Amino acid sequence: GGLVQPGGSLRLSCAASGVIFRIYAMGWYRQAPGKQRELVATIT
């Protein structure tokens, strides 16, 4: 994460440990100020 201008790009990474990673679906979520956490994307 970081600070980026509108129209820009970022690549987020999530490293997992302590789990057999390959067998799980994964999701990215986000929570904006004053908002509920929402599901952004999933991958099986």
All heavy atoms as atom14 arrays in JSON, in Angstrom:
{
  "sequence": "GGLVQPGGSLRLSCAASGVIFRIYAMGWYRQAPGKQRELVATIT",
  "atom14_mask": [
    [1, 1, 1, 1, 0, 0, 0, 0, 0, 0, 0, 0, 0, 0],
    [1, 1, 1, 1, 0, 0, 0, 0, 0, 0, 0, 0, 0, 0],
    [1, 1, 1, 1, 1, 1, 1, 1, 0, 0, 0, 0, 0, 0],
    [1, 1, 1, 1, 1, 1, 1, 0, 0, 0, 0, 0, 0, 0],
    [1, 1, 1, 1, 1, 1, 1, 1, 1, 0, 0, 0, 0, 0],
    [1, 1, 1, 1, 1, 1, 1, 0, 0, 0, 0, 0, 0, 0],
    [1, 1, 1, 1, 0, 0, 0, 0, 0, 0, 0, 0, 0, 0],
    [1, 1, 1, 1, 0, 0, 0, 0, 0, 0, 0, 0, 0, 0],
    [1, 1, 1, 1, 1, 1, 0, 0, 0, 0, 0, 0, 0, 0],
    [1, 1, 1, 1, 1, 1, 1, 1, 0, 0, 0, 0, 0, 0],
    [1, 1, 1, 1, 1, 1, 1, 1, 1, 1, 1, 0, 0, 0],
    [1, 1, 1, 1, 1, 1, 1, 1, 0, 0, 0, 0, 0, 0],
    [1, 1, 1, 1, 1, 1, 0, 0, 0, 0, 0, 0, 0, 0],
    [1, 1, 1, 1, 1, 1, 0, 0, 0, 0, 0, 0, 0, 0],
    [1, 1, 1, 1, 1, 0, 0, 0, 0, 0, 0, 0, 0, 0],
    [1, 1, 1, 1, 1, 0, 0, 0, 0, 0, 0, 0, 0, 0],
    [1, 1, 1, 1, 1, 1, 0, 0, 0, 0, 0, 0, 0, 0],
    [1, 1, 1, 1, 0, 0, 0, 0, 0, 0, 0, 0, 0, 0],
    [1, 1, 1, 1, 1, 1, 1, 0, 0, 0, 0, 0, 0, 0],
    [1, 1, 1, 1, 1, 1, 1, 1, 0, 0, 0, 0, 0, 0],
    [1, 1, 1, 1, 1, 1, 1, 1, 1, 1, 1, 0, 0, 0],
    [1, 1, 1, 1, 1, 1, 1, 1, 1, 1, 1, 0, 0, 0],
    [1, 1, 1, 1, 1, 1, 1, 1, 0, 0, 0, 0, 0, 0],
    [1, 1, 1, 1, 1, 1, 1, 1, 1, 1, 1, 1, 0, 0],
    [1, 1, 1, 1, 1, 0, 0, 0, 0, 0, 0, 0, 0, 0],
    [1, 1, 1, 1, 1, 1, 1, 1, 0, 0, 0, 0, 0, 0],
    [1, 1, 1, 1, 0, 0, 0, 0, 0, 0, 0, 0, 0, 0],
    [1, 1, 1, 1, 1, 1, 1, 1, 1, 1, 1, 1, 1, 1],
    [1, 1, 1, 1, 1, 1, 1, 1, 1, 1, 1, 1, 0, 0],
    [1, 1, 1, 1, 1, 1, 1, 1, 1, 1, 1, 0, 0, 0],
    [1, 1, 1, 1, 1, 1, 1, 1, 1, 0, 0, 0, 0, 0],
    [1, 1, 1, 1, 1, 0, 0, 0, 0, 0, 0, 0, 0, 0],
    [1, 1, 1, 1, 1, 1, 1, 0, 0, 0, 0, 0, 0, 0],
    [1, 1, 1, 1, 0, 0, 0, 0, 0, 0, 0, 0, 0, 0],
    [1, 1, 1, 1, 1, 1, 1, 1, 1, 0, 0, 0, 0, 0],
    [1, 1, 1, 1, 1, 1, 1, 1, 1, 0, 0, 0, 0, 0],
    [1, 1, 1, 1, 1, 1, 1, 1, 1, 1, 1, 0, 0, 0],
    [1, 1, 1, 1, 1, 1, 1, 1, 1, 0, 0, 0, 0, 0],
    [1, 1, 1, 1, 1, 1, 1, 1, 0, 0, 0, 0, 0, 0],
    [1, 1, 1, 1, 1, 1, 1, 0, 0, 0, 0, 0, 0, 0],
    [1, 1, 1, 1, 1, 0, 0, 0, 0, 0, 0, 0, 0, 0],
    [1, 1, 1, 1, 1, 1, 1, 0, 0, 0, 0, 0, 0, 0],
    [1, 1, 1, 1, 1, 1, 1, 1, 0, 0, 0, 0, 0, 0],
    [1, 1, 1, 1, 1, 1, 1, 0, 0, 0, 0, 0, 0, 0]
  ],
  "atom14_positions": [
    [[0.81, -1.2, 0.0], [0.0, 0.0, 0.0], [0.85, 1.26, 0.0], [2.07, 1.21, 0.13], [0.0, 0.0, 0.0], [0.0, 0.0, 0.0], [0.0, 0.0, 0.0], [0.0, 0.0, 0.0], [0.0, 0.0, 0.0], [0.0, 0.0, 0.0], [0.0, 0.0, 0.0], [0.0, 0.0, 0.0], [0.0, 0.0, 0.0], [0.0, 0.0, 0.0]],
    [[0.18, 2.38, -0.15], [0.86, 3.65, -0.16], [-0.03, 4.76, -0.65], [-1.24, 4.58, -0.8], [0.0, 0.0, 0.0], [0.0, 0.0, 0.0], [0.0, 0.0, 0.0], [0.0, 0.0, 0.0], [0.0, 0.0, 0.0], [0.0, 0.0, 0.0], [0.0, 0.0, 0.0], [0.0, 0.0, 0.0], [0.0, 0.0, 0.0], [0.0, 0.0, 0.0]],
    [[0.58, 5.89, -0.89], [-0.11, 7.07, -1.41], [0.08, 7.14, -2.91], [1.22, 7.07, -3.41], [0.44, 8.33, -0.74], [-0.1, 9.67, -1.24], [-1.59, 9.78, -0.96], [0.67, 10.81, -0.59], [0.0, 0.0, 0.0], [0.0, 0.0, 0.0], [0.0, 0.0, 0.0], [0.0, 0.0, 0.0], [0.0, 0.0, 0.0], [0.0, 0.0, 0.0]],
    [[-1.01, 7.28, -3.64], [-0.96, 7.32, -5.09], [-1.96, 8.36, -5.6], [-3.0, 8.59, -4.97], [-1.24, 5.93, -5.69], [-2.66, 5.47, -5.37], [-0.98, 5.91, -7.19], [0.0, 0.0, 0.0], [0.0, 0.0, 0.0], [0.0, 0.0, 0.0], [0.0, 0.0, 0.0], [0.0, 0.0, 0.0], [0.0, 0.0, 0.0], [0.0, 0.0, 0.0]],
    [[-1.65, 8.97, -6.72], [-2.55, 9.95, -7.33], [-3.69, 9.26, -8.05], [-3.57, 8.1, -8.48], [-1.79, 10.84, -8.3], [-0.77, 11.75, -7.65], [-0.09, 12.68, -8.64], [-0.29, 12.57, -9.85], [0.7, 13.59, -8.13], [0.0, 0.0, 0.0], [0.0, 0.0, 0.0], [0.0, 0.0, 0.0], [0.0, 0.0, 0.0], [0.0, 0.0, 0.0]],
    [[-4.83, 9.93, -8.19], [-5.91, 9.35, -8.99], [-5.42, 8.95, -10.38], [-4.65, 9.68, -11.01], [-6.94, 10.48, -9.07], [-6.7, 11.27, -7.83], [-5.2, 11.22, -7.6], [0.0, 0.0, 0.0], [0.0, 0.0, 0.0], [0.0, 0.0, 0.0], [0.0, 0.0, 0.0], [0.0, 0.0, 0.0], [0.0, 0.0, 0.0], [0.0, 0.0, 0.0]],
    [[-5.86, 7.78, -10.82], [-5.41, 7.24, -12.09], [-4.17, 6.38, -11.99], [-3.81, 5.71, -12.97], [0.0, 0.0, 0.0], [0.0, 0.0, 0.0], [0.0, 0.0, 0.0], [0.0, 0.0, 0.0], [0.0, 0.0, 0.0], [0.0, 0.0, 0.0], [0.0, 0.0, 0.0], [0.0, 0.0, 0.0], [0.0, 0.0, 0.0], [0.0, 0.0, 0.0]],
    [[-3.53, 6.37, -10.83], [-2.33, 5.59, -10.64], [-2.61, 4.15, -10.34], [-3.76, 3.69, -10.32], [0.0, 0.0, 0.0], [0.0, 0.0, 0.0], [0.0, 0.0, 0.0], [0.0, 0.0, 0.0], [0.0, 0.0, 0.0], [0.0, 0.0, 0.0], [0.0, 0.0, 0.0], [0.0, 0.0, 0.0], [0.0, 0.0, 0.0], [0.0, 0.0, 0.0]],
    [[-1.53, 3.41, -10.07], [-1.62, 1.97, -9.84], [-0.82, 1.56, -8.61], [0.16, 2.21, -8.24], [-1.07, 1.2, -11.04], [-1.83, 1.44, -12.21], [0.0, 0.0, 0.0], [0.0, 0.0, 0.0], [0.0, 0.0, 0.0], [0.0, 0.0, 0.0], [0.0, 0.0, 0.0], [0.0, 0.0, 0.0], [0.0, 0.0, 0.0], [0.0, 0.0, 0.0]],
    [[-1.27, 0.49, -7.99], [-0.55, -0.15, -6.9], [-0.74, -1.65, -7.02], [-1.77, -2.11, -7.53], [-1.06, 0.3, -5.53], [-0.67, 1.68, -5.02], [-1.44, 1.98, -3.74], [0.82, 1.77, -4.78], [0.0, 0.0, 0.0], [0.0, 0.0, 0.0], [0.0, 0.0, 0.0], [0.0, 0.0, 0.0], [0.0, 0.0, 0.0], [0.0, 0.0, 0.0]],
    [[0.23, -2.4, -6.54], [0.12, -3.85, -6.46], [0.28, -4.28, -5.02], [1.35, -4.11, -4.43], [1.17, -4.54, -7.33], [0.94, -6.04, -7.49], [2.16, -6.73, -8.03], [1.87, -8.08, -8.51], [2.76, -9.07, -8.54], [4.0, -8.86, -8.14], [2.4, -10.26, -8.99], [0.0, 0.0, 0.0], [0.0, 0.0, 0.0], [0.0, 0.0, 0.0]],
    [[-0.77, -4.85, -4.46], [-0.74, -5.34, -3.1], [-0.37, -6.81, -3.08], [-0.72, -7.57, -3.98], [-2.11, -5.17, -2.43], [-2.72, -3.77, -2.47], [-4.02, -3.75, -1.68], [-1.75, -2.72, -1.95], [0.0, 0.0, 0.0], [0.0, 0.0, 0.0], [0.0, 0.0, 0.0], [0.0, 0.0, 0.0], [0.0, 0.0, 0.0], [0.0, 0.0, 0.0]],
    [[0.33, -7.21, -2.03], [0.69, -8.6, -1.82], [0.21, -9.06, -0.46], [0.15, -8.27, 0.49], [2.21, -8.79, -1.91], [2.71, -8.46, -3.18], [0.0, 0.0, 0.0], [0.0, 0.0, 0.0], [0.0, 0.0, 0.0], [0.0, 0.0, 0.0], [0.0, 0.0, 0.0], [0.0, 0.0, 0.0], [0.0, 0.0, 0.0], [0.0, 0.0, 0.0]],
    [[-0.11, -10.32, -0.36], [-0.5, -10.94, 0.9], [0.21, -12.27, 1.01], [-0.06, -13.18, 0.21], [-2.01, -11.13, 0.97], [-2.58, -12.13, 2.36], [0.0, 0.0, 0.0], [0.0, 0.0, 0.0], [0.0, 0.0, 0.0], [0.0, 0.0, 0.0], [0.0, 0.0, 0.0], [0.0, 0.0, 0.0], [0.0, 0.0, 0.0], [0.0, 0.0, 0.0]],
    [[1.12, -12.37, 1.96], [1.88, -13.59, 2.18], [1.27, -14.37, 3.33], [1.07, -13.84, 4.41], [3.34, -13.25, 2.48], [0.0, 0.0, 0.0], [0.0, 0.0, 0.0], [0.0, 0.0, 0.0], [0.0, 0.0, 0.0], [0.0, 0.0, 0.0], [0.0, 0.0, 0.0], [0.0, 0.0, 0.0], [0.0, 0.0, 0.0], [0.0, 0.0, 0.0]],
    [[0.99, -15.64, 3.08], [0.37, -16.5, 4.06], [1.37, -17.51, 4.6], [2.24, -17.99, 3.87], [-0.82, -17.24, 3.46], [0.0, 0.0, 0.0], [0.0, 0.0, 0.0], [0.0, 0.0, 0.0], [0.0, 0.0, 0.0], [0.0, 0.0, 0.0], [0.0, 0.0, 0.0], [0.0, 0.0, 0.0], [0.0, 0.0, 0.0], [0.0, 0.0, 0.0]],
    [[1.24, -17.82, 5.87], [2.04, -18.87, 6.49], [1.17, -19.63, 7.48], [0.14, -19.14, 7.93], [3.28, -18.29, 7.17], [2.91, -17.38, 8.2], [0.0, 0.0, 0.0], [0.0, 0.0, 0.0], [0.0, 0.0, 0.0], [0.0, 0.0, 0.0], [0.0, 0.0, 0.0], [0.0, 0.0, 0.0], [0.0, 0.0, 0.0], [0.0, 0.0, 0.0]],
    [[1.6, -20.83, 7.81], [0.86, -21.65, 8.76], [-0.4, -22.26, 8.21], [-1.29, -22.65, 8.98], [0.0, 0.0, 0.0], [0.0, 0.0, 0.0], [0.0, 0.0, 0.0], [0.0, 0.0, 0.0], [0.0, 0.0, 0.0], [0.0, 0.0, 0.0], [0.0, 0.0, 0.0], [0.0, 0.0, 0.0], [0.0, 0.0, 0.0], [0.0, 0.0, 0.0]],
    [[-0.49, -22.37, 6.9], [-1.69, -22.89, 6.25], [-1.29, -23.56, 4.94], [-0.3, -23.15, 4.31], [-2.72, -21.75, 6.01], [-2.14, -20.69, 5.08], [-4.03, -22.29, 5.48], [0.0, 0.0, 0.0], [0.0, 0.0, 0.0], [0.0, 0.0, 0.0], [0.0, 0.0, 0.0], [0.0, 0.0, 0.0], [0.0, 0.0, 0.0], [0.0, 0.0, 0.0]],
    [[-2.05, -24.58, 4.57], [-1.84, -25.19, 3.25], [-2.55, -24.29, 2.25], [-3.71, -24.48, 1.89], [-2.37, -26.63, 3.21], [-1.77, -27.46, 4.34], [-2.05, -27.27, 1.85], [-2.34, -28.87, 4.44], [0.0, 0.0, 0.0], [0.0, 0.0, 0.0], [0.0, 0.0, 0.0], [0.0, 0.0, 0.0], [0.0, 0.0, 0.0], [0.0, 0.0, 0.0]],
    [[-1.82, -23.31, 1.78], [-2.37, -22.19, 1.04], [-3.17, -22.61, -0.18], [-4.25, -22.08, -0.46], [-1.23, -21.25, 0.64], [-1.64, -20.05, -0.14], [-2.16, -18.94, 0.5], [-1.5, -20.02, -1.52], [-2.53, -17.82, -0.22], [-1.87, -18.91, -2.25], [-2.39, -17.81, -1.6], [0.0, 0.0, 0.0], [0.0, 0.0, 0.0], [0.0, 0.0, 0.0]],
    [[-2.66, -23.57, -0.93], [-3.22, -23.91, -2.23], [-4.65, -24.42, -2.17], [-5.35, -24.39, -3.19], [-2.34, -24.95, -2.92], [-2.36, -26.31, -2.26], [-1.44, -27.28, -2.98], [-1.58, -28.64, -2.45], [-0.97, -29.1, -1.37], [-0.15, -28.31, -0.68], [-1.16, -30.36, -0.97], [0.0, 0.0, 0.0], [0.0, 0.0, 0.0], [0.0, 0.0, 0.0]],
    [[-5.12, -24.9, -1.02], [-6.44, -25.49, -0.95], [-7.54, -24.47, -0.61], [-8.72, -24.81, -0.64], [-6.5, -26.64, 0.07], [-6.42, -26.13, 1.51], [-5.4, -27.65, -0.22], [-6.64, -27.21, 2.55], [0.0, 0.0, 0.0], [0.0, 0.0, 0.0], [0.0, 0.0, 0.0], [0.0, 0.0, 0.0], [0.0, 0.0, 0.0], [0.0, 0.0, 0.0]],
    [[-7.15, -23.25, -0.33], [-8.12, -22.24, 0.1], [-8.4, -21.21, -0.98], [-7.5, -20.75, -1.68], [-7.62, -21.5, 1.34], [-7.58, -22.36, 2.57], [-6.38, -22.9, 3.04], [-8.74, -22.62, 3.29], [-6.35, -23.69, 4.17], [-8.71, -23.41, 4.42], [-7.51, -23.93, 4.86], [-7.48, -24.71, 5.99], [0.0, 0.0, 0.0], [0.0, 0.0, 0.0]],
    [[-9.66, -20.84, -1.08], [-9.99, -19.6, -1.77], [-9.45, -18.43, -0.95], [-9.29, -18.53, 0.27], [-11.5, -19.46, -1.96], [0.0, 0.0, 0.0], [0.0, 0.0, 0.0], [0.0, 0.0, 0.0], [0.0, 0.0, 0.0], [0.0, 0.0, 0.0], [0.0, 0.0, 0.0], [0.0, 0.0, 0.0], [0.0, 0.0, 0.0], [0.0, 0.0, 0.0]],
    [[-9.14, -17.34, -1.63], [-8.63, -16.14, -0.97], [-9.45, -14.93, -1.39], [-10.02, -14.9, -2.48], [-7.16, -15.91, -1.32], [-6.21, -17.0, -0.85], [-6.06, -17.08, 0.95], [-5.36, -15.48, 1.32], [0.0, 0.0, 0.0], [0.0, 0.0, 0.0], [0.0, 0.0, 0.0], [0.0, 0.0, 0.0], [0.0, 0.0, 0.0], [0.0, 0.0, 0.0]],
    [[-9.47, -13.95, -0.52], [-10.18, -12.73, -0.84], [-9.42, -11.5, -0.4], [-8.63, -11.55, 0.54], [0.0, 0.0, 0.0], [0.0, 0.0, 0.0], [0.0, 0.0, 0.0], [0.0, 0.0, 0.0], [0.0, 0.0, 0.0], [0.0, 0.0, 0.0], [0.0, 0.0, 0.0], [0.0, 0.0, 0.0], [0.0, 0.0, 0.0], [0.0, 0.0, 0.0]],
    [[-9.65, -10.42, -1.11], [-9.21, -9.1, -0.7], [-10.42, -8.3, -0.24], [-11.47, -8.31, -0.89], [-8.5, -8.35, -1.83], [-7.08, -8.77, -2.05], [-6.62, -9.63, -2.99], [-5.94, -8.32, -1.31], [-5.26, -9.76, -2.89], [-4.81, -8.97, -1.87], [-5.77, -7.44, -0.24], [-3.52, -8.76, -1.38], [-4.49, -7.24, 0.24], [-3.38, -7.89, -0.33]],
    [[-10.26, -7.62, 0.88], [-11.3, -6.8, 1.47], [-10.75, -5.4, 1.7], [-9.54, -5.21, 1.72], [-11.75, -7.37, 2.82], [-12.21, -8.81, 2.76], [-11.31, -9.86, 2.65], [-13.57, -9.12, 2.84], [-11.74, -11.18, 2.61], [-14.01, -10.43, 2.81], [-13.08, -11.45, 2.69], [-13.51, -12.76, 2.67], [0.0, 0.0, 0.0], [0.0, 0.0, 0.0]],
    [[-11.63, -4.45, 1.89], [-11.18, -3.12, 2.26], [-12.16, -2.47, 3.21], [-13.35, -2.79, 3.21], [-10.97, -2.24, 1.02], [-12.24, -1.89, 0.26], [-11.89, -1.16, -1.03], [-13.07, -0.78, -1.77], [-13.05, -0.26, -2.99], [-11.9, -0.06, -3.61], [-14.19, 0.07, -3.59], [0.0, 0.0, 0.0], [0.0, 0.0, 0.0], [0.0, 0.0, 0.0]],
    [[-11.64, -1.58, 4.0], [-12.46, -0.81, 4.93], [-12.05, 0.65, 4.84], [-10.93, 1.02, 5.19], [-12.32, -1.32, 6.36], [-13.3, -0.67, 7.32], [-13.42, -1.41, 8.62], [-12.51, -2.15, 9.02], [-14.54, -1.24, 9.3], [0.0, 0.0, 0.0], [0.0, 0.0, 0.0], [0.0, 0.0, 0.0], [0.0, 0.0, 0.0], [0.0, 0.0, 0.0]],
    [[-12.97, 1.46, 4.35], [-12.75, 2.89, 4.24], [-13.16, 3.57, 5.54], [-13.95, 3.02, 6.32], [-13.55, 3.46, 3.07], [0.0, 0.0, 0.0], [0.0, 0.0, 0.0], [0.0, 0.0, 0.0], [0.0, 0.0, 0.0], [0.0, 0.0, 0.0], [0.0, 0.0, 0.0], [0.0, 0.0, 0.0], [0.0, 0.0, 0.0], [0.0, 0.0, 0.0]],
    [[-12.64, 4.77, 5.79], [-13.0, 5.48, 7.02], [-14.51, 5.64, 7.15], [-15.17, 6.11, 6.22], [-12.31, 6.83, 6.86], [-11.16, 6.56, 5.96], [-11.65, 5.51, 5.0], [0.0, 0.0, 0.0], [0.0, 0.0, 0.0], [0.0, 0.0, 0.0], [0.0, 0.0, 0.0], [0.0, 0.0, 0.0], [0.0, 0.0, 0.0], [0.0, 0.0, 0.0]],
    [[-15.04, 5.24, 8.3], [-16.46, 5.37, 8.56], [-17.35, 4.4, 7.83], [-18.57, 4.54, 7.88], [0.0, 0.0, 0.0], [0.0, 0.0, 0.0], [0.0, 0.0, 0.0], [0.0, 0.0, 0.0], [0.0, 0.0, 0.0], [0.0, 0.0, 0.0], [0.0, 0.0, 0.0], [0.0, 0.0, 0.0], [0.0, 0.0, 0.0], [0.0, 0.0, 0.0]],
    [[-16.76, 3.43, 7.16], [-17.53, 2.47, 6.38], [-17.32, 1.05, 6.88], [-16.36, 0.76, 7.59], [-17.13, 2.54, 4.9], [-17.33, 3.89, 4.25], [-18.8, 4.24, 4.16], [-19.01, 5.56, 3.42], [-20.45, 5.9, 3.33], [0.0, 0.0, 0.0], [0.0, 0.0, 0.0], [0.0, 0.0, 0.0], [0.0, 0.0, 0.0], [0.0, 0.0, 0.0]],
    [[-18.24, 0.17, 6.52], [-18.1, -1.24, 6.82], [-17.06, -1.87, 5.9], [-16.81, -1.39, 4.79], [-19.44, -1.96, 6.65], [-20.56, -1.42, 7.51], [-20.49, -1.91, 8.94], [-19.55, -2.57, 9.35], [-21.51, -1.57, 9.72], [0.0, 0.0, 0.0], [0.0, 0.0, 0.0], [0.0, 0.0, 0.0], [0.0, 0.0, 0.0], [0.0, 0.0, 0.0]],
    [[-16.47, -2.96, 6.37], [-15.56, -3.7, 5.54], [-16.31, -4.35, 4.39], [-17.4, -4.88, 4.57], [-14.85, -4.77, 6.37], [-13.78, -5.54, 5.62], [-12.99, -6.43, 6.57], [-13.85, -7.37, 7.26], [-13.75, -7.66, 8.55], [-12.83, -7.08, 9.29], [-14.58, -8.55, 9.08], [0.0, 0.0, 0.0], [0.0, 0.0, 0.0], [0.0, 0.0, 0.0]],
    [[-15.75, -4.28, 3.2], [-16.39, -4.84, 2.03], [-15.46, -5.78, 1.29], [-14.24, -5.6, 1.29], [-16.88, -3.74, 1.08], [-15.77, -2.9, 0.46], [-16.27, -1.95, -0.61], [-17.29, -2.25, -1.26], [-15.63, -0.89, -0.8], [0.0, 0.0, 0.0], [0.0, 0.0, 0.0], [0.0, 0.0, 0.0], [0.0, 0.0, 0.0], [0.0, 0.0, 0.0]],
    [[-16.05, -6.76, 0.66], [-15.3, -7.69, -0.16], [-15.02, -7.07, -1.51], [-15.93, -6.57, -2.19], [-16.1, -8.98, -0.33], [-15.47, -10.11, -1.15], [-14.17, -10.59, -0.51], [-16.45, -11.26, -1.29], [0.0, 0.0, 0.0], [0.0, 0.0, 0.0], [0.0, 0.0, 0.0], [0.0, 0.0, 0.0], [0.0, 0.0, 0.0], [0.0, 0.0, 0.0]],
    [[-13.76, -7.1, -1.92], [-13.33, -6.47, -3.16], [-13.17, -7.49, -4.28], [-13.63, -7.26, -5.41], [-12.01, -5.71, -2.95], [-11.47, -5.16, -4.27], [-12.21, -4.59, -1.94], [0.0, 0.0, 0.0], [0.0, 0.0, 0.0], [0.0, 0.0, 0.0], [0.0, 0.0, 0.0], [0.0, 0.0, 0.0], [0.0, 0.0, 0.0], [0.0, 0.0, 0.0]],
    [[-12.51, -8.59, -4.0], [-12.21, -9.58, -5.02], [-11.95, -10.92, -4.37], [-11.49, -11.0, -3.23], [-10.99, -9.16, -5.85], [0.0, 0.0, 0.0], [0.0, 0.0, 0.0], [0.0, 0.0, 0.0], [0.0, 0.0, 0.0], [0.0, 0.0, 0.0], [0.0, 0.0, 0.0], [0.0, 0.0, 0.0], [0.0, 0.0, 0.0], [0.0, 0.0, 0.0]],
    [[-12.26, -11.99, -5.09], [-12.0, -13.34, -4.61], [-11.33, -14.15, -5.7], [-11.48, -13.88, -6.9], [-13.28, -14.07, -4.18], [-14.16, -14.19, -5.3], [-13.98, -13.33, -3.05], [0.0, 0.0, 0.0], [0.0, 0.0, 0.0], [0.0, 0.0, 0.0], [0.0, 0.0, 0.0], [0.0, 0.0, 0.0], [0.0, 0.0, 0.0], [0.0, 0.0, 0.0]],
    [[-10.59, -15.16, -5.26], [-9.99, -16.11, -6.18], [-10.08, -17.48, -5.54], [-9.74, -17.66, -4.37], [-8.54, -15.72, -6.55], [-7.98, -16.68, -7.6], [-7.65, -15.66, -5.31], [-6.7, -16.16, -8.24], [0.0, 0.0, 0.0], [0.0, 0.0, 0.0], [0.0, 0.0, 0.0], [0.0, 0.0, 0.0], [0.0, 0.0, 0.0], [0.0, 0.0, 0.0]],
    [[-10.57, -18.45, -6.29], [-10.7, -19.8, -5.77], [-9.35, -20.51, -5.8], [-8.37, -20.01, -6.35], [-11.71, -20.61, -6.59], [-11.17, -20.86, -7.89], [-13.04, -19.88, -6.7], [0.0, 0.0, 0.0], [0.0, 0.0, 0.0], [0.0, 0.0, 0.0], [0.0, 0.0, 0.0], [0.0, 0.0, 0.0], [0.0, 0.0, 0.0], [0.0, 0.0, 0.0]]
  ]
}
